Amino acid sequence: MYFRISSQSVELIEPDDVTSFHAVCPAGLGHGALAEIVQKEDLGEILPAGGHLMVPLGTVRRMAAGRVGPDWEQKFDAMVAYAARKRWLSEDGTKVRAHLEAERV
């Protein structure tokens, strides 16, 4: 699953695929515009060094709701456990890190 961030909105793509978690945005989207969209869409926060987002687990669940199979929650929990082992979760365990990539055209 990944997030496609446009200048107007955020969309969760392929929510059933929990093996690849990242976000893509237009290459020309500036940091300020990206930060506004991320905040408006409750997509978490951009890490200070850039290049990654910390996405609330609740946001992922909300955006996947009604679009995934019955075993998704179990697969998602396994993805979160993997992220925890890699230290990709926030200290309080409520957000997961997503690599931020420029969209290929």
PDB file of N, CA and C in Angstrom:
ATOM      1  N   MET A   1       0.846  -1.174   0.000  1.00  0.00           N
ATOM      2  CA  MET A   1       0.000   0.000   0.000  1.00  0.00           C
ATOM      3  C   MET A   1       0.882   1.224   0.000  1.00  0.00           C
ATOM      4  N   TYR A   2       0.368   2.245  -0.602  1.00  0.00           N
ATOM      5  CA  TYR A   2       1.098   3.500  -0.572  1.00  0.00           C
ATOM      6  C   TYR A   2       0.124   4.660  -0.691  1.00  0.00           C
ATOM      7  N   PHE A   3       0.605   5.820  -0.289  1.00  0.00           N
ATOM      8  CA  PHE A   3      -0.181   7.041  -0.385  1.00  0.00           C
ATOM      9  C   PHE A   3       0.258   7.808  -1.614  1.00  0.00           C
ATOM     10  N   ARG A   4      -0.699   8.224  -2.413  1.00  0.00           N
ATOM     11  CA  ARG A   4      -0.415   9.121  -3.534  1.00  0.00           C
ATOM     12  C   ARG A   4      -0.880  10.507  -3.098  1.00  0.00           C
ATOM     13  N   ILE A   5       0.079  11.402  -2.968  1.00  0.00           N
ATOM     14  CA  ILE A   5      -0.201  12.768  -2.545  1.00  0.00           C
ATOM     15  C   ILE A   5      -0.186  13.652  -3.779  1.00  0.00           C
ATOM     16  N   SER A   6      -1.275  14.366  -3.991  1.00  0.00           N
ATOM     17  CA  SER A   6      -1.315  15.322  -5.093  1.00  0.00           C
ATOM     18  C   SER A   6      -1.362  16.724  -4.498  1.00  0.00           C
ATOM     19  N   SER A   7      -1.425  17.719  -5.346  1.00  0.00           N
ATOM     20  CA  SER A   7      -1.493  19.084  -4.836  1.00  0.00           C
ATOM     21  C   SER A   7      -2.845  19.364  -4.187  1.00  0.00           C
ATOM     22  N   GLN A   8      -3.801  18.451  -4.350  1.00  0.00           N
ATOM     23  CA  GLN A   8      -5.146  18.652  -3.819  1.00  0.00           C
ATOM     24  C   GLN A   8      -5.547  17.676  -2.712  1.00  0.00           C
ATOM     25  N   SER A   9      -4.996  16.442  -2.740  1.00  0.00           N
ATOM     26  CA  SER A   9      -5.501  15.434  -1.814  1.00  0.00           C
ATOM     27  C   SER A   9      -4.504  14.299  -1.604  1.00  0.00           C
ATOM     28  N   VAL A  10      -4.935  13.326  -0.816  1.00  0.00           N
ATOM     29  CA  VAL A  10      -4.158  12.120  -0.546  1.00  0.00           C
ATOM     30  C   VAL A  10      -5.068  10.925  -0.799  1.00  0.00           C
ATOM     31  N   GLU A  11      -4.511   9.920  -1.471  1.00  0.00           N
ATOM     32  CA  GLU A  11      -5.271   8.708  -1.765  1.00  0.00           C
ATOM     33  C   GLU A  11      -4.437   7.502  -1.332  1.00  0.00           C
ATOM     34  N   LEU A  12      -5.084   6.517  -0.705  1.00  0.00           N
ATOM     35  CA  LEU A  12      -4.415   5.275  -0.339  1.00  0.00           C
ATOM     36  C   LEU A  12      -4.583   4.296  -1.499  1.00  0.00           C
ATOM     37  N   ILE A  13      -3.464   3.844  -2.069  1.00  0.00           N
ATOM     38  CA  ILE A  13      -3.468   2.963  -3.226  1.00  0.00           C
ATOM     39  C   ILE A  13      -3.087   1.545  -2.777  1.00  0.00           C
ATOM     40  N   GLU A  14      -3.747   0.550  -3.341  1.00  0.00           N
ATOM     41  CA  GLU A  14      -3.466  -0.861  -3.059  1.00  0.00           C
ATOM     42  C   GLU A  14      -3.401  -1.163  -1.561  1.00  0.00           C
ATOM     43  N   PRO A  15      -4.471  -0.851  -0.821  1.00  0.00           N
ATOM     44  CA  PRO A  15      -4.414  -1.036   0.631  1.00  0.00           C
ATOM     45  C   PRO A  15      -4.213  -2.486   1.073  1.00  0.00           C
ATOM     46  N   ASP A  16      -4.548  -3.447   0.227  1.00  0.00           N
ATOM     47  CA  ASP A  16      -4.359  -4.854   0.599  1.00  0.00           C
ATOM     48  C   ASP A  16      -2.900  -5.283   0.603  1.00  0.00           C
ATOM     49  N   ASP A  17      -2.033  -4.559  -0.094  1.00  0.00           N
ATOM     50  CA  ASP A  17      -0.621  -4.919  -0.173  1.00  0.00           C
ATOM     51  C   ASP A  17       0.133  -4.263   0.984  1.00  0.00           C
ATOM     52  N   VAL A  18       0.388  -5.043   2.026  1.00  0.00           N
ATOM     53  CA  VAL A  18       1.066  -4.488   3.202  1.00  0.00           C
ATOM     54  C   VAL A  18       2.575  -4.710   3.150  1.00  0.00           C
ATOM     55  N   THR A  19       3.096  -5.109   1.988  1.00  0.00           N
ATOM     56  CA  THR A  19       4.519  -5.398   1.874  1.00  0.00           C
ATOM     57  C   THR A  19       5.344  -4.194   1.433  1.00  0.00           C
ATOM     58  N   SER A  20       4.690  -3.135   1.010  1.00  0.00           N
ATOM     59  CA  SER A  20       5.421  -1.952   0.551  1.00  0.00           C
ATOM     60  C   SER A  20       4.682  -0.712   1.038  1.00  0.00           C
ATOM     61  N   PHE A  21       5.204  -0.074   2.064  1.00  0.00           N
ATOM     62  CA  PHE A  21       4.547   1.083   2.663  1.00  0.00           C
ATOM     63  C   PHE A  21       5.378   2.320   2.389  1.00  0.00           C
ATOM     64  N   HIS A  22       4.814   3.246   1.617  1.00  0.00           N
ATOM     65  CA  HIS A  22       5.525   4.479   1.287  1.00  0.00           C
ATOM     66  C   HIS A  22       4.520   5.536   0.832  1.00  0.00           C
ATOM     67  N   ALA A  23       5.026   6.683   0.442  1.00  0.00           N
ATOM     68  CA  ALA A  23       4.191   7.769  -0.072  1.00  0.00           C
ATOM     69  C   ALA A  23       4.882   8.368  -1.286  1.00  0.00           C
ATOM     70  N   VAL A  24       4.098   8.745  -2.282  1.00  0.00           N
ATOM     71  CA  VAL A  24       4.647   9.413  -3.467  1.00  0.00           C
ATOM     72  C   VAL A  24       3.962  10.768  -3.612  1.00  0.00           C
ATOM     73  N   CYS A  25       4.718  11.742  -4.096  1.00  0.00           N
ATOM     74  CA  CYS A  25       4.165  13.071  -4.319  1.00  0.00           C
ATOM     75  C   CYS A  25       4.791  13.646  -5.582  1.00  0.00           C
ATOM     76  N   PRO A  26       4.145  14.630  -6.196  1.00  0.00           N
ATOM     77  CA  PRO A  26       4.720  15.248  -7.396  1.00  0.00           C
ATOM     78  C   PRO A  26       6.106  15.813  -7.109  1.00  0.00           C
ATOM     79  N   ALA A  27       7.014  15.627  -8.048  1.00  0.00           N
ATOM     80  CA  ALA A  27       8.396  16.068  -7.873  1.00  0.00           C
ATOM     81  C   ALA A  27       8.487  17.571  -7.606  1.00  0.00           C
ATOM     82  N   GLY A  28       7.624  18.367  -8.207  1.00  0.00           N
ATOM     83  CA  GLY A  28       7.715  19.810  -8.059  1.00  0.00           C
ATOM     84  C   GLY A  28       6.970  20.385  -6.862  1.00  0.00           C
ATOM     85  N   LEU A  29       6.345  19.538  -6.057  1.00  0.00           N
ATOM     86  CA  LEU A  29       5.573  20.017  -4.907  1.00  0.00           C
ATOM     87  C   LEU A  29       6.542  20.474  -3.821  1.00  0.00           C
ATOM     88  N   GLY A  30       6.471  21.733  -3.462  1.00  0.00           N
ATOM     89  CA  GLY A  30       7.368  22.285  -2.448  1.00  0.00           C
ATOM     90  C   GLY A  30       7.071  21.766  -1.052  1.00  0.00           C
ATOM     91  N   HIS A  31       8.045  21.921  -0.168  1.00  0.00           N
ATOM     92  CA  HIS A  31       7.910  21.434   1.206  1.00  0.00           C
ATOM     93  C   HIS A  31       6.700  22.049   1.915  1.00  0.00           C
ATOM     94  N   GLY A  32       6.501  23.358   1.747  1.00  0.00           N
ATOM     95  CA  GLY A  32       5.375  24.031   2.411  1.00  0.00           C
ATOM     96  C   GLY A  32       4.037  23.504   1.940  1.00  0.00           C
ATOM     97  N   ALA A  33       3.891  23.344   0.627  1.00  0.00           N
ATOM     98  CA  ALA A  33       2.633  22.818   0.071  1.00  0.00           C
ATOM     99  C   ALA A  33       2.413  21.384   0.529  1.00  0.00           C
ATOM    100  N   LEU A  34       3.470  20.585   0.536  1.00  0.00           N
ATOM    101  CA  LEU A  34       3.368  19.200   0.991  1.00  0.00           C
ATOM    102  C   LEU A  34       2.947  19.157   2.459  1.00  0.00           C
ATOM    103  N   ALA A  35       3.560  19.975   3.282  1.00  0.00           N
ATOM    104  CA  ALA A  35       3.221  20.010   4.711  1.00  0.00           C
ATOM    105  C   ALA A  35       1.755  20.383   4.920  1.00  0.00           C
ATOM    106  N   GLU A  36       1.252  21.332   4.136  1.00  0.00           N
ATOM    107  CA  GLU A  36      -0.165  21.723   4.237  1.00  0.00           C
ATOM    108  C   GLU A  36      -1.093  20.570   3.916  1.00  0.00           C
ATOM    109  N   ILE A  37      -0.798  19.857   2.831  1.00  0.00           N
ATOM    110  CA  ILE A  37      -1.642  18.734   2.418  1.00  0.00           C
ATOM    111  C   ILE A  37      -1.591  17.619   3.454  1.00  0.00           C
ATOM    112  N   VAL A  38      -0.389  17.307   3.930  1.00  0.00           N
ATOM    113  CA  VAL A  38      -0.218  16.263   4.938  1.00  0.00           C
ATOM    114  C   VAL A  38      -1.031  16.598   6.186  1.00  0.00           C
ATOM    115  N   GLN A  39      -0.984  17.840   6.607  1.00  0.00           N
ATOM    116  CA  GLN A  39      -1.747  18.254   7.794  1.00  0.00           C
ATOM    117  C   GLN A  39      -3.249  18.206   7.521  1.00  0.00           C
ATOM    118  N   LYS A  40      -3.676  18.757   6.390  1.00  0.00           N
ATOM    119  CA  LYS A  40      -5.100  18.805   6.052  1.00  0.00           C
ATOM    120  C   LYS A  40      -5.709  17.412   5.967  1.00  0.00           C
ATOM    121  N   GLU A  41      -4.964  16.461   5.437  1.00  0.00           N
ATOM    122  CA  GLU A  41      -5.474  15.101   5.234  1.00  0.00           C
ATOM    123  C   GLU A  41      -5.194  14.181   6.416  1.00  0.00           C
ATOM    124  N   ASP A  42      -4.699  14.725   7.527  1.00  0.00           N
ATOM    125  CA  ASP A  42      -4.386  13.948   8.732  1.00  0.00           C
ATOM    126  C   ASP A  42      -3.431  12.806   8.416  1.00  0.00           C
ATOM    127  N   LEU A  43      -2.425  13.094   7.586  1.00  0.00           N
ATOM    128  CA  LEU A  43      -1.454  12.082   7.179  1.00  0.00           C
ATOM    129  C   LEU A  43      -0.226  12.091   8.078  1.00  0.00           C
ATOM    130  N   GLY A  44      -0.294  12.789   9.176  1.00  0.00           N
ATOM    131  CA  GLY A  44       0.811  12.784  10.124  1.00  0.00           C
ATOM    132  C   GLY A  44       1.705  13.983   9.982  1.00  0.00           C
ATOM    133  N   GLU A  45       3.010  13.720   9.904  1.00  0.00           N
ATOM    134  CA  GLU A  45       3.971  14.818   9.863  1.00  0.00           C
ATOM    135  C   GLU A  45       5.185  14.422   9.041  1.00  0.00           C
ATOM    136  N   ILE A  46       5.820  15.409   8.444  1.00  0.00           N
ATOM    137  CA  ILE A  46       7.063  15.191   7.721  1.00  0.00           C
ATOM    138  C   ILE A  46       8.191  15.230   8.750  1.00  0.00           C
ATOM    139  N   LEU A  47       9.068  14.259   8.697  1.00  0.00           N
ATOM    140  CA  LEU A  47      10.186  14.258   9.632  1.00  0.00           C
ATOM    141  C   LEU A  47      11.107  15.437   9.339  1.00  0.00           C
ATOM    142  N   PRO A  48      11.740  16.011  10.362  1.00  0.00           N
ATOM    143  CA  PRO A  48      12.568  17.206  10.179  1.00  0.00           C
ATOM    144  C   PRO A  48      13.629  17.085   9.080  1.00  0.00           C
ATOM    145  N   ALA A  49      14.236  15.918   8.948  1.00  0.00           N
ATOM    146  CA  ALA A  49      15.263  15.748   7.923  1.00  0.00           C
ATOM    147  C   ALA A  49      14.644  15.577   6.528  1.00  0.00           C
ATOM    148  N   GLY A  50      13.317  15.451   6.457  1.00  0.00           N
ATOM    149  CA  GLY A  50      12.642  15.232   5.181  1.00  0.00           C
ATOM    150  C   GLY A  50      12.821  13.805   4.723  1.00  0.00           C
ATOM    151  N   GLY A  51      12.163  13.475   3.641  1.00  0.00           N
ATOM    152  CA  GLY A  51      12.308  12.147   3.077  1.00  0.00           C
ATOM    153  C   GLY A  51      11.417  11.081   3.672  1.00  0.00           C
ATOM    154  N   HIS A  52      10.770  11.379   4.810  1.00  0.00           N
ATOM    155  CA  HIS A  52       9.882  10.417   5.451  1.00  0.00           C
ATOM    156  C   HIS A  52       8.699  11.141   6.097  1.00  0.00           C
ATOM    157  N   LEU A  53       7.608  10.414   6.190  1.00  0.00           N
ATOM    158  CA  LEU A  53       6.428  10.865   6.929  1.00  0.00           C
ATOM    159  C   LEU A  53       6.225   9.929   8.110  1.00  0.00           C
ATOM    160  N   MET A  54       5.668  10.440   9.176  1.00  0.00           N
ATOM    161  CA  MET A  54       5.191   9.594  10.269  1.00  0.00           C
ATOM    162  C   MET A  54       3.672   9.607  10.177  1.00  0.00           C
ATOM    163  N   VAL A  55       3.108   8.470   9.767  1.00  0.00           N
ATOM    164  CA  VAL A  55       1.679   8.361   9.470  1.00  0.00           C
ATOM    165  C   VAL A  55       0.957   7.688  10.634  1.00  0.00           C
ATOM    166  N   PRO A  56      -0.107   8.311  11.152  1.00  0.00           N
ATOM    167  CA  PRO A  56      -0.878   7.675  12.223  1.00  0.00           C
ATOM    168  C   PRO A  56      -1.482   6.349  11.749  1.00  0.00           C
ATOM    169  N   LEU A  57      -1.360   5.317  12.584  1.00  0.00           N
ATOM    170  CA  LEU A  57      -1.945   4.023  12.244  1.00  0.00           C
ATOM    171  C   LEU A  57      -3.457   4.156  12.055  1.00  0.00           C
ATOM    172  N   GLY A  58      -4.078   5.025  12.831  1.00  0.00           N
ATOM    173  CA  GLY A  58      -5.519   5.253  12.695  1.00  0.00           C
ATOM    174  C   GLY A  58      -5.894   5.805  11.330  1.00  0.00           C
ATOM    175  N   THR A  59      -5.034   6.640  10.755  1.00  0.00           N
ATOM    176  CA  THR A  59      -5.292   7.183   9.421  1.00  0.00           C
ATOM    177  C   THR A  59      -5.244   6.075   8.385  1.00  0.00           C
ATOM    178  N   VAL A  60      -4.259   5.184   8.507  1.00  0.00           N
ATOM    179  CA  VAL A  60      -4.164   4.063   7.567  1.00  0.00           C
ATOM    180  C   VAL A  60      -5.428   3.205   7.660  1.00  0.00           C
ATOM    181  N   ARG A  61      -5.835   2.866   8.878  1.00  0.00           N
ATOM    182  CA  ARG A  61      -7.036   2.046   9.065  1.00  0.00           C
ATOM    183  C   ARG A  61      -8.275   2.751   8.497  1.00  0.00           C
ATOM    184  N   ARG A  62      -8.396   4.042   8.762  1.00  0.00           N
ATOM    185  CA  ARG A  62      -9.560   4.795   8.276  1.00  0.00           C
ATOM    186  C   ARG A  62      -9.616   4.799   6.753  1.00  0.00           C
ATOM    187  N   MET A  63      -8.468   5.019   6.115  1.00  0.00           N
ATOM    188  CA  MET A  63      -8.450   5.110   4.654  1.00  0.00           C
ATOM    189  C   MET A  63      -8.593   3.739   3.984  1.00  0.00           C
ATOM    190  N   ALA A  64      -8.262   2.660   4.706  1.00  0.00           N
ATOM    191  CA  ALA A  64      -8.389   1.307   4.159  1.00  0.00           C
ATOM    192  C   ALA A  64      -9.774   0.709   4.404  1.00  0.00           C
ATOM    193  N   ALA A  65     -10.506   1.262   5.354  1.00  0.00           N
ATOM    194  CA  ALA A  65     -11.804   0.698   5.751  1.00  0.00           C
ATOM    195  C   ALA A  65     -12.729   0.501   4.552  1.00  0.00           C
ATOM    196  N   GLY A  66     -13.296  -0.699   4.474  1.00  0.00           N
ATOM    197  CA  GLY A  66     -14.249  -1.026   3.412  1.00  0.00           C
ATOM    198  C   GLY A  66     -13.594  -1.361   2.082  1.00  0.00           C
ATOM    199  N   ARG A  67     -12.271  -1.336   2.027  1.00  0.00           N
ATOM    200  CA  ARG A  67     -11.568  -1.571   0.765  1.00  0.00           C
ATOM    201  C   ARG A  67     -10.625  -2.764   0.837  1.00  0.00           C
ATOM    202  N   VAL A  68     -10.642  -3.485   1.957  1.00  0.00           N
ATOM    203  CA  VAL A  68      -9.688  -4.570   2.172  1.00  0.00           C
ATOM    204  C   VAL A  68     -10.417  -5.850   2.560  1.00  0.00           C
ATOM    205  N   GLY A  69      -9.688  -6.971   2.448  1.00  0.00           N
ATOM    206  CA  GLY A  69     -10.270  -8.263   2.781  1.00  0.00           C
ATOM    207  C   GLY A  69     -10.355  -8.505   4.273  1.00  0.00           C
ATOM    208  N   PRO A  70     -11.009  -9.604   4.659  1.00  0.00           N
ATOM    209  CA  PRO A  70     -11.217  -9.898   6.079  1.00  0.00           C
ATOM    210  C   PRO A  70      -9.932 -10.192   6.850  1.00  0.00           C
ATOM    211  N   ASP A  71      -8.863 -10.585   6.160  1.00  0.00           N
ATOM    212  CA  ASP A  71      -7.612 -10.883   6.854  1.00  0.00           C
ATOM    213  C   ASP A  71      -6.666  -9.681   6.895  1.00  0.00           C
ATOM    214  N   TRP A  72      -7.124  -8.525   6.423  1.00  0.00           N
ATOM    215  CA  TRP A  72      -6.265  -7.358   6.351  1.00  0.00           C
ATOM    216  C   TRP A  72      -5.742  -6.921   7.708  1.00  0.00           C
ATOM    217  N   GLU A  73      -6.590  -6.896   8.699  1.00  0.00           N
ATOM    218  CA  GLU A  73      -6.173  -6.418  10.027  1.00  0.00           C
ATOM    219  C   GLU A  73      -5.013  -7.260  10.550  1.00  0.00           C
ATOM    220  N   GLN A  74      -5.070  -8.559  10.340  1.00  0.00           N
ATOM    221  CA  GLN A  74      -3.982  -9.445  10.769  1.00  0.00           C
ATOM    222  C   GLN A  74      -2.708  -9.136   9.983  1.00  0.00           C
ATOM    223  N   LYS A  75      -2.830  -8.947   8.673  1.00  0.00           N
ATOM    224  CA  LYS A  75      -1.662  -8.612   7.850  1.00  0.00           C
ATOM    225  C   LYS A  75      -1.104  -7.244   8.231  1.00  0.00           C
ATOM    226  N   PHE A  76      -1.989  -6.298   8.501  1.00  0.00           N
ATOM    227  CA  PHE A  76      -1.555  -4.959   8.898  1.00  0.00           C
ATOM    228  C   PHE A  76      -0.812  -5.011  10.231  1.00  0.00           C
ATOM    229  N   ASP A  77      -1.352  -5.767  11.177  1.00  0.00           N
ATOM    230  CA  ASP A  77      -0.679  -5.911  12.479  1.00  0.00           C
ATOM    231  C   ASP A  77       0.712  -6.521  12.311  1.00  0.00           C
ATOM    232  N   ALA A  78       0.854  -7.474  11.391  1.00  0.00           N
ATOM    233  CA  ALA A  78       2.173  -8.068  11.124  1.00  0.00           C
ATOM    234  C   ALA A  78       3.117  -7.024  10.529  1.00  0.00           C
ATOM    235  N   MET A  79       2.591  -6.158   9.650  1.00  0.00           N
ATOM    236  CA  MET A  79       3.409  -5.092   9.077  1.00  0.00           C
ATOM    237  C   MET A  79       3.873  -4.135  10.182  1.00  0.00           C
ATOM    238  N   VAL A  80       2.978  -3.805  11.093  1.00  0.00           N
ATOM    239  CA  VAL A  80       3.318  -2.901  12.197  1.00  0.00           C
ATOM    240  C   VAL A  80       4.362  -3.547  13.110  1.00  0.00           C
ATOM    241  N   ALA A  81       4.233  -4.838  13.362  1.00  0.00           N
ATOM    242  CA  ALA A  81       5.221  -5.542  14.186  1.00  0.00           C
ATOM    243  C   ALA A  81       6.590  -5.520  13.499  1.00  0.00           C
ATOM    244  N   TYR A  82       6.613  -5.715  12.190  1.00  0.00           N
ATOM    245  CA  TYR A  82       7.865  -5.645  11.435  1.00  0.00           C
ATOM    246  C   TYR A  82       8.461  -4.241  11.544  1.00  0.00           C
ATOM    247  N   ALA A  83       7.615  -3.232  11.374  1.00  0.00           N
ATOM    248  CA  ALA A  83       8.073  -1.842  11.481  1.00  0.00           C
ATOM    249  C   ALA A  83       8.638  -1.562  12.871  1.00  0.00           C
ATOM    250  N   ALA A  84       8.029  -2.141  13.895  1.00  0.00           N
ATOM    251  CA  ALA A  84       8.530  -1.951  15.262  1.00  0.00           C
ATOM    252  C   ALA A  84       9.921  -2.558  15.411  1.00  0.00           C
ATOM    253  N   ARG A  85      10.124  -3.746  14.833  1.00  0.00           N
ATOM    254  CA  ARG A  85      11.447  -4.382  14.918  1.00  0.00           C
ATOM    255  C   ARG A  85      12.502  -3.550  14.197  1.00  0.00           C
ATOM    256  N   LYS A  86      12.113  -2.859  13.144  1.00  0.00           N
ATOM    257  CA  LYS A  86      13.039  -2.021  12.383  1.00  0.00           C
ATOM    258  C   LYS A  86      13.175  -0.619  12.981  1.00  0.00           C
ATOM    259  N   ARG A  87      12.404  -0.347  14.038  1.00  0.00           N
ATOM    260  CA  ARG A  87      12.374   0.968  14.692  1.00  0.00           C
ATOM    261  C   ARG A  87      11.784   2.049  13.794  1.00  0.00           C
ATOM    262  N   TRP A  88      10.751   1.658  13.053  1.00  0.00           N
ATOM    263  CA  TRP A  88      10.060   2.582  12.168  1.00  0.00           C
ATOM    264  C   TRP A  88       8.747   3.069  12.776  1.00  0.00           C
ATOM    265  N   LEU A  89       8.505   2.780  14.044  1.00  0.00           N
ATOM    266  CA  LEU A  89       7.313   3.280  14.737  1.00  0.00           C
ATOM    267  C   LEU A  89       7.707   4.455  15.618  1.00  0.00           C
ATOM    268  N   SER A  90       6.738   5.319  15.870  1.00  0.00           N
ATOM    269  CA  SER A  90       6.963   6.408  16.817  1.00  0.00           C
ATOM    270  C   SER A  90       7.167   5.811  18.207  1.00  0.00           C
ATOM    271  N   GLU A  91       7.728   6.590  19.103  1.00  0.00           N
ATOM    272  CA  GLU A  91       7.989   6.101  20.458  1.00  0.00           C
ATOM    273  C   GLU A  91       6.733   5.607  21.148  1.00  0.00           C
ATOM    274  N   ASP A  92       5.596   6.260  20.876  1.00  0.00           N
ATOM    275  CA  ASP A  92       4.348   5.837  21.524  1.00  0.00           C
ATOM    276  C   ASP A  92       3.621   4.743  20.738  1.00  0.00           C
ATOM    277  N   GLY A  93       4.168   4.322  19.602  1.00  0.00           N
ATOM    278  CA  GLY A  93       3.598   3.224  18.825  1.00  0.00           C
ATOM    279  C   GLY A  93       2.350   3.563  18.031  1.00  0.00           C
ATOM    280  N   THR A  94       2.056   4.851  17.855  1.00  0.00           N
ATOM    281  CA  THR A  94       0.824   5.239  17.154  1.00  0.00           C
ATOM    282  C   THR A  94       1.039   5.665  15.710  1.00  0.00           C
ATOM    283  N   LYS A  95       2.309   5.802  15.295  1.00  0.00           N
ATOM    284  CA  LYS A  95       2.625   6.251  13.935  1.00  0.00           C
ATOM    285  C   LYS A  95       3.706   5.360  13.350  1.00  0.00           C
ATOM    286  N   VAL A  96       3.636   5.182  12.035  1.00  0.00           N
ATOM    287  CA  VAL A  96       4.625   4.379  11.327  1.00  0.00           C
ATOM    288  C   VAL A  96       5.295   5.244  10.259  1.00  0.00           C
ATOM    289  N   ARG A  97       6.588   5.008  10.066  1.00  0.00           N
ATOM    290  CA  ARG A  97       7.347   5.797   9.113  1.00  0.00           C
ATOM    291  C   ARG A  97       7.092   5.313   7.685  1.00  0.00           C
ATOM    292  N   ALA A  98       6.888   6.258   6.791  1.00  0.00           N
ATOM    293  CA  ALA A  98       6.706   5.969   5.370  1.00  0.00           C
ATOM    294  C   ALA A  98       7.753   6.751   4.592  1.00  0.00           C
ATOM    295  N   HIS A  99       8.484   6.055   3.739  1.00  0.00           N
ATOM    296  CA  HIS A  99       9.456   6.719   2.864  1.00  0.00           C
ATOM    297  C   HIS A  99       8.701   7.604   1.894  1.00  0.00           C
ATOM    298  N   LEU A 100       9.188   8.793   1.648  1.00  0.00           N
ATOM    299  CA  LEU A 100       8.557   9.767   0.743  1.00  0.00           C
ATOM    300  C   LEU A 100       9.349   9.812  -0.544  1.00  0.00           C
ATOM    301  N   GLU A 101       8.678   9.517  -1.656  1.00  0.00           N
ATOM    302  CA  GLU A 101       9.331   9.471  -2.972  1.00  0.00           C
ATOM    303  C   GLU A 101       8.700  10.473  -3.917  1.00  0.00           C
ATOM    304  N   ALA A 102       9.502  10.982  -4.843  1.00  0.00           N
ATOM    305  CA  ALA A 102       8.973  11.825  -5.917  1.00  0.00           C
ATOM    306  C   ALA A 102       8.306  10.911  -6.941  1.00  0.00           C
ATOM    307  N   GLU A 103       7.138  11.295  -7.384  1.00  0.00           N
ATOM    308  CA  GLU A 103       6.380  10.487  -8.331  1.00  0.00           C
ATOM    309  C   GLU A 103       7.087  10.440  -9.667  1.00  0.00           C
ATOM    310  N   ARG A 104       7.194   9.236 -10.201  1.00  0.00           N
ATOM    311  CA  ARG A 104       7.793   9.073 -11.534  1.00  0.00           C
ATOM    312  C   ARG A 104       6.751   9.349 -12.589  1.00  0.00           C
ATOM    313  N   VAL A 105       7.125  10.085 -13.611  1.00  0.00           N
ATOM    314  CA  VAL A 105       6.182  10.426 -14.680  1.00  0.00           C
ATOM    315  C   VAL A 105       6.450   9.637 -15.920  1.00  0.00           C
TER     316      VAL A 105
END
